Amino acid sequence: MIDETLLRDAANTVAATGPGEAALEAMRRLWPALRFVSCSDDDVPARLAPAWVGEDFNLYLIGNGEHCVALTRDVDTAIGIVVAAVAA
């Protein structure tokens, strides 16, 4: 489960490192049981609101799916975080 504290800590990590590979590596070290991926915010469906809005990134939750990455708003079933870079 991804709670508000973990989400805030992940957002602080991304804010400190930028929404790139360094953030993913840092979060994978901090939370090895979770999945982390990155993309452009333009690649995320517009109908899905972010779980966290940062200055140059948004965080979305990865759902507990069997195959492909699927996004969710359900923190109770979330198994990871998508770091979506927002174009300036």
PDB file of N, CA and C in Angstrom:
ATOM      1  N   MET A   1       0.840  -1.189   0.000  1.00  0.00           N
ATOM      2  CA  MET A   1       0.000   0.000   0.000  1.00  0.00           C
ATOM      3  C   MET A   1       0.880   1.246   0.000  1.00  0.00           C
ATOM      4  N   ILE A   2       0.458   2.217  -0.746  1.00  0.00           N
ATOM      5  CA  ILE A   2       1.155   3.495  -0.812  1.00  0.00           C
ATOM      6  C   ILE A   2       0.304   4.520  -0.078  1.00  0.00           C
ATOM      7  N   ASP A   3       0.811   4.989   1.050  1.00  0.00           N
ATOM      8  CA  ASP A   3       0.052   5.961   1.820  1.00  0.00           C
ATOM      9  C   ASP A   3       0.533   7.389   1.507  1.00  0.00           C
ATOM     10  N   GLU A   4      -0.109   8.355   2.128  1.00  0.00           N
ATOM     11  CA  GLU A   4       0.190   9.767   1.867  1.00  0.00           C
ATOM     12  C   GLU A   4       1.632  10.111   2.255  1.00  0.00           C
ATOM     13  N   THR A   5       2.143   9.506   3.310  1.00  0.00           N
ATOM     14  CA  THR A   5       3.518   9.773   3.744  1.00  0.00           C
ATOM     15  C   THR A   5       4.520   9.287   2.706  1.00  0.00           C
ATOM     16  N   LEU A   6       4.317   8.066   2.209  1.00  0.00           N
ATOM     17  CA  LEU A   6       5.209   7.530   1.186  1.00  0.00           C
ATOM     18  C   LEU A   6       5.130   8.368  -0.076  1.00  0.00           C
ATOM     19  N   LEU A   7       3.937   8.774  -0.459  1.00  0.00           N
ATOM     20  CA  LEU A   7       3.762   9.595  -1.652  1.00  0.00           C
ATOM     21  C   LEU A   7       4.488  10.930  -1.488  1.00  0.00           C
ATOM     22  N   ARG A   8       4.376  11.541  -0.310  1.00  0.00           N
ATOM     23  CA  ARG A   8       5.063  12.802  -0.044  1.00  0.00           C
ATOM     24  C   ARG A   8       6.577  12.606  -0.088  1.00  0.00           C
ATOM     25  N   ASP A   9       7.069  11.524   0.512  1.00  0.00           N
ATOM     26  CA  ASP A   9       8.502  11.246   0.498  1.00  0.00           C
ATOM     27  C   ASP A   9       9.003  10.994  -0.922  1.00  0.00           C
ATOM     28  N   ALA A  10       8.207  10.302  -1.726  1.00  0.00           N
ATOM     29  CA  ALA A  10       8.572  10.078  -3.121  1.00  0.00           C
ATOM     30  C   ALA A  10       8.607  11.405  -3.881  1.00  0.00           C
ATOM     31  N   ALA A  11       7.631  12.259  -3.637  1.00  0.00           N
ATOM     32  CA  ALA A  11       7.607  13.579  -4.288  1.00  0.00           C
ATOM     33  C   ALA A  11       8.825  14.400  -3.881  1.00  0.00           C
ATOM     34  N   ASN A  12       9.221  14.331  -2.616  1.00  0.00           N
ATOM     35  CA  ASN A  12      10.416  15.058  -2.168  1.00  0.00           C
ATOM     36  C   ASN A  12      11.672  14.516  -2.844  1.00  0.00           C
ATOM     37  N   THR A  13      11.725  13.212  -3.043  1.00  0.00           N
ATOM     38  CA  THR A  13      12.857  12.599  -3.731  1.00  0.00           C
ATOM     39  C   THR A  13      12.930  13.094  -5.172  1.00  0.00           C
ATOM     40  N   VAL A  14      11.803  13.102  -5.858  1.00  0.00           N
ATOM     41  CA  VAL A  14      11.778  13.570  -7.248  1.00  0.00           C
ATOM     42  C   VAL A  14      12.110  15.059  -7.318  1.00  0.00           C
ATOM     43  N   ALA A  15      11.590  15.840  -6.399  1.00  0.00           N
ATOM     44  CA  ALA A  15      11.881  17.277  -6.390  1.00  0.00           C
ATOM     45  C   ALA A  15      13.375  17.537  -6.192  1.00  0.00           C
ATOM     46  N   ALA A  16      14.031  16.705  -5.391  1.00  0.00           N
ATOM     47  CA  ALA A  16      15.454  16.890  -5.113  1.00  0.00           C
ATOM     48  C   ALA A  16      16.346  16.439  -6.265  1.00  0.00           C
ATOM     49  N   THR A  17      15.909  15.414  -7.001  1.00  0.00           N
ATOM     50  CA  THR A  17      16.765  14.832  -8.046  1.00  0.00           C
ATOM     51  C   THR A  17      16.321  15.176  -9.458  1.00  0.00           C
ATOM     52  N   GLY A  18      15.088  15.641  -9.605  1.00  0.00           N
ATOM     53  CA  GLY A  18      14.509  15.836 -10.930  1.00  0.00           C
ATOM     54  C   GLY A  18      13.779  14.581 -11.358  1.00  0.00           C
ATOM     55  N   PRO A  19      12.857  14.715 -12.305  1.00  0.00           N
ATOM     56  CA  PRO A  19      12.002  13.574 -12.679  1.00  0.00           C
ATOM     57  C   PRO A  19      12.647  12.623 -13.689  1.00  0.00           C
ATOM     58  N   GLY A  20      13.875  12.241 -13.440  1.00  0.00           N
ATOM     59  CA  GLY A  20      14.569  11.348 -14.357  1.00  0.00           C
ATOM     60  C   GLY A  20      15.002  10.057 -13.699  1.00  0.00           C
ATOM     61  N   GLU A  21      15.997   9.441 -14.291  1.00  0.00           N
ATOM     62  CA  GLU A  21      16.482   8.135 -13.836  1.00  0.00           C
ATOM     63  C   GLU A  21      17.036   8.185 -12.416  1.00  0.00           C
ATOM     64  N   ALA A  22      17.640   9.299 -12.019  1.00  0.00           N
ATOM     65  CA  ALA A  22      18.186   9.415 -10.661  1.00  0.00           C
ATOM     66  C   ALA A  22      17.082   9.269  -9.615  1.00  0.00           C
ATOM     67  N   ALA A  23      15.919   9.835  -9.892  1.00  0.00           N
ATOM     68  CA  ALA A  23      14.791   9.713  -8.965  1.00  0.00           C
ATOM     69  C   ALA A  23      14.333   8.263  -8.869  1.00  0.00           C
ATOM     70  N   LEU A  24      14.231   7.589 -10.015  1.00  0.00           N
ATOM     71  CA  LEU A  24      13.811   6.188 -10.005  1.00  0.00           C
ATOM     72  C   LEU A  24      14.790   5.324  -9.227  1.00  0.00           C
ATOM     73  N   GLU A  25      16.083   5.528  -9.440  1.00  0.00           N
ATOM     74  CA  GLU A  25      17.094   4.749  -8.734  1.00  0.00           C
ATOM     75  C   GLU A  25      17.009   4.986  -7.226  1.00  0.00           C
ATOM     76  N   ALA A  26      16.849   6.239  -6.826  1.00  0.00           N
ATOM     77  CA  ALA A  26      16.752   6.561  -5.397  1.00  0.00           C
ATOM     78  C   ALA A  26      15.521   5.911  -4.774  1.00  0.00           C
ATOM     79  N   MET A  27      14.395   5.980  -5.464  1.00  0.00           N
ATOM     80  CA  MET A  27      13.168   5.396  -4.913  1.00  0.00           C
ATOM     81  C   MET A  27      13.240   3.872  -4.878  1.00  0.00           C
ATOM     82  N   ARG A  28      13.886   3.282  -5.856  1.00  0.00           N
ATOM     83  CA  ARG A  28      14.036   1.816  -5.844  1.00  0.00           C
ATOM     84  C   ARG A  28      14.897   1.364  -4.663  1.00  0.00           C
ATOM     85  N   ARG A  29      15.876   2.174  -4.300  1.00  0.00           N
ATOM     86  CA  ARG A  29      16.691   1.844  -3.115  1.00  0.00           C
ATOM     87  C   ARG A  29      15.868   2.000  -1.834  1.00  0.00           C
ATOM     88  N   LEU A  30      15.050   3.052  -1.768  1.00  0.00           N
ATOM     89  CA  LEU A  30      14.253   3.318  -0.572  1.00  0.00           C
ATOM     90  C   LEU A  30      13.111   2.323  -0.390  1.00  0.00           C
ATOM     91  N   TRP A  31      12.468   1.952  -1.493  1.00  0.00           N
ATOM     92  CA  TRP A  31      11.292   1.085  -1.444  1.00  0.00           C
ATOM     93  C   TRP A  31      11.441  -0.043  -2.470  1.00  0.00           C
ATOM     94  N   PRO A  32      12.286  -1.023  -2.187  1.00  0.00           N
ATOM     95  CA  PRO A  32      12.566  -2.077  -3.172  1.00  0.00           C
ATOM     96  C   PRO A  32      11.364  -2.953  -3.521  1.00  0.00           C
ATOM     97  N   ALA A  33      10.348  -2.976  -2.710  1.00  0.00           N
ATOM     98  CA  ALA A  33       9.180  -3.819  -2.989  1.00  0.00           C
ATOM     99  C   ALA A  33       8.204  -3.163  -3.966  1.00  0.00           C
ATOM    100  N   LEU A  34       8.407  -1.881  -4.268  1.00  0.00           N
ATOM    101  CA  LEU A  34       7.497  -1.168  -5.165  1.00  0.00           C
ATOM    102  C   LEU A  34       8.090  -1.043  -6.554  1.00  0.00           C
ATOM    103  N   ARG A  35       7.233  -0.769  -7.528  1.00  0.00           N
ATOM    104  CA  ARG A  35       7.662  -0.543  -8.915  1.00  0.00           C
ATOM    105  C   ARG A  35       7.689   0.955  -9.185  1.00  0.00           C
ATOM    106  N   PHE A  36       8.658   1.373 -10.001  1.00  0.00           N
ATOM    107  CA  PHE A  36       8.773   2.777 -10.377  1.00  0.00           C
ATOM    108  C   PHE A  36       9.096   2.873 -11.855  1.00  0.00           C
ATOM    109  N   VAL A  37       8.363   3.720 -12.554  1.00  0.00           N
ATOM    110  CA  VAL A  37       8.600   3.976 -13.968  1.00  0.00           C
ATOM    111  C   VAL A  37       8.476   5.474 -14.213  1.00  0.00           C
ATOM    112  N   SER A  38       9.025   5.911 -15.335  1.00  0.00           N
ATOM    113  CA  SER A  38       8.911   7.327 -15.684  1.00  0.00           C
ATOM    114  C   SER A  38       8.388   7.467 -17.102  1.00  0.00           C
ATOM    115  N   CYS A  39       7.805   8.611 -17.354  1.00  0.00           N
ATOM    116  CA  CYS A  39       7.299   8.931 -18.677  1.00  0.00           C
ATOM    117  C   CYS A  39       7.065  10.441 -18.728  1.00  0.00           C
ATOM    118  N   SER A  40       6.578  10.899 -19.841  1.00  0.00           N
ATOM    119  CA  SER A  40       6.151  12.284 -19.966  1.00  0.00           C
ATOM    120  C   SER A  40       4.706  12.372 -19.495  1.00  0.00           C
ATOM    121  N   ASP A  41       4.355  13.475 -18.871  1.00  0.00           N
ATOM    122  CA  ASP A  41       2.975  13.635 -18.427  1.00  0.00           C
ATOM    123  C   ASP A  41       2.015  13.623 -19.619  1.00  0.00           C
ATOM    124  N   ASP A  42       2.511  13.980 -20.796  1.00  0.00           N
ATOM    125  CA  ASP A  42       1.690  13.935 -22.010  1.00  0.00           C
ATOM    126  C   ASP A  42       1.280  12.510 -22.372  1.00  0.00           C
ATOM    127  N   ASP A  43       2.008  11.510 -21.866  1.00  0.00           N
ATOM    128  CA  ASP A  43       1.702  10.105 -22.157  1.00  0.00           C
ATOM    129  C   ASP A  43       0.624   9.523 -21.256  1.00  0.00           C
ATOM    130  N   VAL A  44       0.228  10.263 -20.223  1.00  0.00           N
ATOM    131  CA  VAL A  44      -0.780   9.796 -19.275  1.00  0.00           C
ATOM    132  C   VAL A  44      -2.153  10.275 -19.736  1.00  0.00           C
ATOM    133  N   PRO A  45      -3.166   9.415 -19.697  1.00  0.00           N
ATOM    134  CA  PRO A  45      -4.507   9.848 -20.115  1.00  0.00           C
ATOM    135  C   PRO A  45      -4.969  11.094 -19.347  1.00  0.00           C
ATOM    136  N   ALA A  46      -5.471  12.058 -20.065  1.00  0.00           N
ATOM    137  CA  ALA A  46      -5.886  13.336 -19.467  1.00  0.00           C
ATOM    138  C   ALA A  46      -7.002  13.157 -18.441  1.00  0.00           C
ATOM    139  N   ARG A  47      -7.777  12.099 -18.559  1.00  0.00           N
ATOM    140  CA  ARG A  47      -8.898  11.893 -17.644  1.00  0.00           C
ATOM    141  C   ARG A  47      -8.460  11.441 -16.255  1.00  0.00           C
ATOM    142  N   LEU A  48      -7.198  11.037 -16.110  1.00  0.00           N
ATOM    143  CA  LEU A  48      -6.699  10.554 -14.835  1.00  0.00           C
ATOM    144  C   LEU A  48      -5.976  11.675 -14.090  1.00  0.00           C
ATOM    145  N   ALA A  49      -6.474  12.011 -12.922  1.00  0.00           N
ATOM    146  CA  ALA A  49      -5.844  13.036 -12.102  1.00  0.00           C
ATOM    147  C   ALA A  49      -4.622  12.448 -11.402  1.00  0.00           C
ATOM    148  N   PRO A  50      -3.557  13.219 -11.270  1.00  0.00           N
ATOM    149  CA  PRO A  50      -2.378  12.710 -10.568  1.00  0.00           C
ATOM    150  C   PRO A  50      -2.650  12.515  -9.081  1.00  0.00           C
ATOM    151  N   ALA A  51      -1.912  11.584  -8.485  1.00  0.00           N
ATOM    152  CA  ALA A  51      -1.983  11.384  -7.043  1.00  0.00           C
ATOM    153  C   ALA A  51      -1.211  12.478  -6.317  1.00  0.00           C
ATOM    154  N   TRP A  52      -0.234  13.079  -7.007  1.00  0.00           N
ATOM    155  CA  TRP A  52       0.564  14.169  -6.446  1.00  0.00           C
ATOM    156  C   TRP A  52       0.971  15.092  -7.584  1.00  0.00           C
ATOM    157  N   VAL A  53       0.860  16.381  -7.369  1.00  0.00           N
ATOM    158  CA  VAL A  53       1.261  17.375  -8.366  1.00  0.00           C
ATOM    159  C   VAL A  53       2.498  18.092  -7.853  1.00  0.00           C
ATOM    160  N   GLY A  54       3.596  17.979  -8.594  1.00  0.00           N
ATOM    161  CA  GLY A  54       4.834  18.666  -8.260  1.00  0.00           C
ATOM    162  C   GLY A  54       5.042  19.841  -9.199  1.00  0.00           C
ATOM    163  N   GLU A  55       6.171  20.514  -9.032  1.00  0.00           N
ATOM    164  CA  GLU A  55       6.441  21.688  -9.852  1.00  0.00           C
ATOM    165  C   GLU A  55       6.692  21.323 -11.317  1.00  0.00           C
ATOM    166  N   ASP A  56       7.513  20.300 -11.563  1.00  0.00           N
ATOM    167  CA  ASP A  56       7.819  19.895 -12.932  1.00  0.00           C
ATOM    168  C   ASP A  56       7.545  18.405 -13.162  1.00  0.00           C
ATOM    169  N   PHE A  57       6.715  17.839 -12.317  1.00  0.00           N
ATOM    170  CA  PHE A  57       6.366  16.423 -12.443  1.00  0.00           C
ATOM    171  C   PHE A  57       5.024  16.168 -11.762  1.00  0.00           C
ATOM    172  N   ASN A  58       4.406  15.075 -12.147  1.00  0.00           N
ATOM    173  CA  ASN A  58       3.218  14.560 -11.468  1.00  0.00           C
ATOM    174  C   ASN A  58       3.489  13.107 -11.115  1.00  0.00           C
ATOM    175  N   LEU A  59       2.883  12.647 -10.029  1.00  0.00           N
ATOM    176  CA  LEU A  59       2.996  11.247  -9.637  1.00  0.00           C
ATOM    177  C   LEU A  59       1.652  10.568  -9.803  1.00  0.00           C
ATOM    178  N   TYR A  60       1.680   9.404 -10.425  1.00  0.00           N
ATOM    179  CA  TYR A  60       0.499   8.576 -10.616  1.00  0.00           C
ATOM    180  C   TYR A  60       0.764   7.230  -9.953  1.00  0.00           C
ATOM    181  N   LEU A  61      -0.271   6.509  -9.642  1.00  0.00           N
ATOM    182  CA  LEU A  61      -0.142   5.211  -8.982  1.00  0.00           C
ATOM    183  C   LEU A  61      -0.275   4.074  -9.981  1.00  0.00           C
ATOM    184  N   ILE A  62       0.569   3.071  -9.806  1.00  0.00           N
ATOM    185  CA  ILE A  62       0.514   1.869 -10.632  1.00  0.00           C
ATOM    186  C   ILE A  62      -0.389   0.862  -9.926  1.00  0.00           C
ATOM    187  N   GLY A  63      -1.354   0.332 -10.668  1.00  0.00           N
ATOM    188  CA  GLY A  63      -2.278  -0.644 -10.107  1.00  0.00           C
ATOM    189  C   GLY A  63      -1.691  -2.040 -10.094  1.00  0.00           C
ATOM    190  N   ASN A  64      -2.292  -2.897  -9.319  1.00  0.00           N
ATOM    191  CA  ASN A  64      -1.864  -4.275  -9.174  1.00  0.00           C
ATOM    192  C   ASN A  64      -2.446  -5.120 -10.294  1.00  0.00           C
ATOM    193  N   GLY A  65      -1.855  -5.015 -11.483  1.00  0.00           N
ATOM    194  CA  GLY A  65      -2.333  -5.772 -12.630  1.00  0.00           C
ATOM    195  C   GLY A  65      -1.459  -6.981 -12.903  1.00  0.00           C
ATOM    196  N   GLU A  66      -1.988  -7.897 -13.659  1.00  0.00           N
ATOM    197  CA  GLU A  66      -1.274  -9.125 -13.984  1.00  0.00           C
ATOM    198  C   GLU A  66      -0.228  -8.935 -15.088  1.00  0.00           C
ATOM    199  N   HIS A  67      -0.477  -8.020 -16.022  1.00  0.00           N
ATOM    200  CA  HIS A  67       0.378  -7.948 -17.200  1.00  0.00           C
ATOM    201  C   HIS A  67       0.982  -6.557 -17.360  1.00  0.00           C
ATOM    202  N   CYS A  68       0.383  -5.743 -18.193  1.00  0.00           N
ATOM    203  CA  CYS A  68       0.900  -4.415 -18.505  1.00  0.00           C
ATOM    204  C   CYS A  68       0.685  -3.448 -17.344  1.00  0.00           C
ATOM    205  N   VAL A  69       1.441  -2.362 -17.380  1.00  0.00           N
ATOM    206  CA  VAL A  69       1.280  -1.322 -16.365  1.00  0.00           C
ATOM    207  C   VAL A  69      -0.082  -0.671 -16.539  1.00  0.00           C
ATOM    208  N   ALA A  70      -0.823  -0.585 -15.455  1.00  0.00           N
ATOM    209  CA  ALA A  70      -2.120   0.087 -15.456  1.00  0.00           C
ATOM    210  C   ALA A  70      -2.125   1.091 -14.319  1.00  0.00           C
ATOM    211  N   LEU A  71      -2.733   2.230 -14.550  1.00  0.00           N
ATOM    212  CA  LEU A  71      -2.794   3.267 -13.533  1.00  0.00           C
ATOM    213  C   LEU A  71      -4.061   3.132 -12.698  1.00  0.00           C
ATOM    214  N   THR A  72      -3.985   3.596 -11.466  1.00  0.00           N
ATOM    215  CA  THR A  72      -5.113   3.505 -10.551  1.00  0.00           C
ATOM    216  C   THR A  72      -5.153   4.737  -9.655  1.00  0.00           C
ATOM    217  N   ARG A  73      -6.275   4.970  -9.029  1.00  0.00           N
ATOM    218  CA  ARG A  73      -6.392   6.003  -7.986  1.00  0.00           C
ATOM    219  C   ARG A  73      -6.531   5.352  -6.616  1.00  0.00           C
ATOM    220  N   ASP A  74      -6.535   4.037  -6.572  1.00  0.00           N
ATOM    221  CA  ASP A  74      -6.751   3.282  -5.344  1.00  0.00           C
ATOM    222  C   ASP A  74      -5.425   3.037  -4.624  1.00  0.00           C
ATOM    223  N   VAL A  75      -5.155   3.800  -3.566  1.00  0.00           N
ATOM    224  CA  VAL A  75      -3.894   3.656  -2.840  1.00  0.00           C
ATOM    225  C   VAL A  75      -3.778   2.300  -2.155  1.00  0.00           C
ATOM    226  N   ASP A  76      -4.892   1.670  -1.850  1.00  0.00           N
ATOM    227  CA  ASP A  76      -4.875   0.382  -1.172  1.00  0.00           C
ATOM    228  C   ASP A  76      -4.367  -0.751  -2.052  1.00  0.00           C
ATOM    229  N   THR A  77      -4.509  -0.614  -3.357  1.00  0.00           N
ATOM    230  CA  THR A  77      -4.042  -1.659  -4.270  1.00  0.00           C
ATOM    231  C   THR A  77      -2.843  -1.239  -5.112  1.00  0.00           C
ATOM    232  N   ALA A  78      -2.374  -0.011  -4.934  1.00  0.00           N
ATOM    233  CA  ALA A  78      -1.248   0.485  -5.717  1.00  0.00           C
ATOM    234  C   ALA A  78       0.035  -0.270  -5.353  1.00  0.00           C
ATOM    235  N   ILE A  79       0.828  -0.581  -6.384  1.00  0.00           N
ATOM    236  CA  ILE A  79       2.074  -1.313  -6.174  1.00  0.00           C
ATOM    237  C   ILE A  79       3.290  -0.520  -6.655  1.00  0.00           C
ATOM    238  N   GLY A  80       3.062   0.715  -7.061  1.00  0.00           N
ATOM    239  CA  GLY A  80       4.183   1.520  -7.546  1.00  0.00           C
ATOM    240  C   GLY A  80       3.759   2.911  -7.938  1.00  0.00           C
ATOM    241  N   ILE A  81       4.725   3.648  -8.447  1.00  0.00           N
ATOM    242  CA  ILE A  81       4.529   5.050  -8.795  1.00  0.00           C
ATOM    243  C   ILE A  81       5.089   5.340 -10.172  1.00  0.00           C
ATOM    244  N   VAL A  82       4.343   6.097 -10.959  1.00  0.00           N
ATOM    245  CA  VAL A  82       4.809   6.620 -12.233  1.00  0.00           C
ATOM    246  C   VAL A  82       5.224   8.064 -11.996  1.00  0.00           C
ATOM    247  N   VAL A  83       6.447   8.385 -12.379  1.00  0.00           N
ATOM    248  CA  VAL A  83       6.941   9.757 -12.329  1.00  0.00           C
ATOM    249  C   VAL A  83       6.778  10.329 -13.738  1.00  0.00           C
ATOM    250  N   ALA A  84       5.871  11.284 -13.871  1.00  0.00           N
ATOM    251  CA  ALA A  84       5.561  11.854 -15.179  1.00  0.00           C
ATOM    252  C   ALA A  84       6.094  13.285 -15.254  1.00  0.00           C
ATOM    253  N   ALA A  85       7.091  13.483 -16.093  1.00  0.00           N
ATOM    254  CA  ALA A  85       7.706  14.789 -16.254  1.00  0.00           C
ATOM    255  C   ALA A  85       6.757  15.723 -17.002  1.00  0.00           C
ATOM    256  N   VAL A  86       6.604  16.930 -16.477  1.00  0.00           N
ATOM    257  CA  VAL A  86       5.743  17.937 -17.101  1.00  0.00           C
ATOM    258  C   VAL A  86       6.629  18.864 -17.919  1.00  0.00           C
ATOM    259  N   ALA A  87       6.312  18.994 -19.215  1.00  0.00           N
ATOM    260  CA  ALA A  87       7.091  19.857 -20.103  1.00  0.00           C
ATOM    261  C   ALA A  87       6.893  21.313 -19.721  1.00  0.00           C
ATOM    262  N   ALA A  88       7.966  22.056 -19.793  1.00  0.00           N
ATOM    263  CA  ALA A  88       7.910  23.478 -19.426  1.00  0.00           C
ATOM    264  C   ALA A  88       7.259  24.310 -20.507  1.00  0.00           C
TER     265      ALA A  88
END
